[in-house]
Each structure stands twice: as C-alpha cells, then as structure tokens.
Protein backbone atom coordinates (compact mmCIF):
# COMPACT_ATOMS: atom_id res chain seq x y z
CA MET A 1 110.82 97.82 89.98
CA VAL A 2 110.97 99.72 93.26
CA ASP A 3 110.97 97.57 96.38
CA ASP A 4 109.77 98.57 99.85
CA ALA A 5 113.29 99.39 101.00
CA THR A 6 113.77 101.90 98.19
CA LYS A 7 110.27 103.34 98.34
CA ASN A 8 109.81 103.55 102.12
CA GLY A 9 113.34 103.67 103.50
CA PRO A 10 115.07 100.81 105.29
CA ARG A 11 112.98 97.80 106.20
CA GLN A 12 112.19 97.50 109.88
CA PHE A 13 111.84 94.20 111.69
CA VAL A 14 109.72 93.71 114.79
CA ARG A 15 109.03 90.91 117.23
CA LEU A 16 105.36 90.12 117.81
CA PRO A 17 105.02 88.83 121.38
CA GLY A 18 101.32 89.76 121.46
CA LEU A 19 100.36 87.91 118.27
CA ALA A 20 99.21 84.62 119.82
CA ALA A 21 97.19 86.33 122.55
CA ALA A 22 95.52 88.67 120.05
CA ARG A 23 94.67 85.78 117.73
CA GLU A 24 93.25 83.75 120.61
CA ARG A 25 91.17 86.72 121.85
CA VAL A 26 89.66 87.06 118.39
CA GLY A 27 89.15 83.29 118.18
CA LEU A 28 90.81 82.93 114.80
CA PRO A 29 92.62 79.70 113.88
CA LEU A 30 96.24 79.97 112.70
CA ALA A 31 95.38 78.98 109.13
CA ALA A 32 92.59 81.54 108.88
CA LEU A 33 94.90 84.31 110.10
CA ALA A 34 97.56 83.28 107.61
CA ARG A 35 95.05 83.40 104.75
CA ARG A 36 93.60 86.76 105.77
CA ALA A 37 97.06 88.33 106.16
CA GLY A 38 98.49 86.76 103.01
CA VAL A 39 101.36 84.97 104.75
CA SER A 40 102.19 81.30 105.13
CA LEU A 41 100.91 79.23 108.02
CA GLU A 42 104.50 78.42 108.97
CA THR A 43 105.31 82.14 109.13
CA VAL A 44 102.48 82.74 111.60
CA ARG A 45 103.60 79.77 113.70
CA ARG A 46 107.20 80.99 113.81
CA LEU A 47 106.18 84.55 114.63
CA GLU A 48 103.93 83.37 117.47
CA ARG A 49 106.76 81.25 118.90
CA GLY A 50 109.18 84.18 118.68
CA GLU A 51 111.45 82.28 116.30
CA HIS A 52 111.42 85.06 113.72
CA GLU A 53 110.94 88.78 113.46
CA ALA A 54 108.45 90.22 110.99
CA TYR A 55 108.75 93.06 108.54
CA PHE A 56 106.72 95.93 109.96
CA SER A 57 104.49 95.71 106.88
CA THR A 58 103.74 92.06 107.74
CA ALA A 59 102.91 93.07 111.31
CA GLN A 60 100.48 95.63 109.91
CA ARG A 61 98.80 93.02 107.69
CA LEU A 62 98.45 90.64 110.63
CA ALA A 63 96.97 93.40 112.79
CA GLU A 64 94.49 94.32 110.05
CA ALA A 65 93.50 90.66 109.67
CA LEU A 66 92.83 90.52 113.42
CA ASP A 67 91.20 93.97 113.47
CA VAL A 68 93.51 95.14 116.27
CA PRO A 69 96.08 97.94 116.47
CA VAL A 70 99.57 96.84 115.45
CA GLU A 71 100.76 97.99 118.87
CA ASP A 72 98.80 95.11 120.42
CA LEU A 73 101.04 92.67 118.56
CA ILE A 74 104.33 94.42 119.32
CA GLN A 75 103.80 94.87 123.08
C-alpha cells in the first residue's frame, strides 16, 4: 500500500486560524462540519482552538465541506 507521504511527497501540516470564523460565516455546526469533512468532532474542536495542526489534505477536506478556499482557513 502506498501512503500519502510516499505518493505525494512529505506530509505538510498547517494551522487553521480561520476555521472557526469560516464555519460560523457558513452557519454550520461543528458536528455537521466534522461529518461532511470525514473527521472526528474532537479533531474539528482541537483545530479550531489551535491545539493541533492539520494535514494539508485535512485542511482541503474541511475547506471543501465549507465551500471556501483553503486559504481562508490558513490565514
């Protein structure tokens, strides 16, 4: 099996300081965002609080779930 690191180069981590604001603008509850993005509710909570960094691929999934550019989450 080929993982993301092998297939796409080294994994990149990003902070998502704009995640909470983007989610609130869209009016999406935490649990709904987690479901749409395919991540746990606790992951979304921790990312919004800045307690963790996300894989860039996770940031992309969250952005898609919110229908915003990923740059909105990273800024």
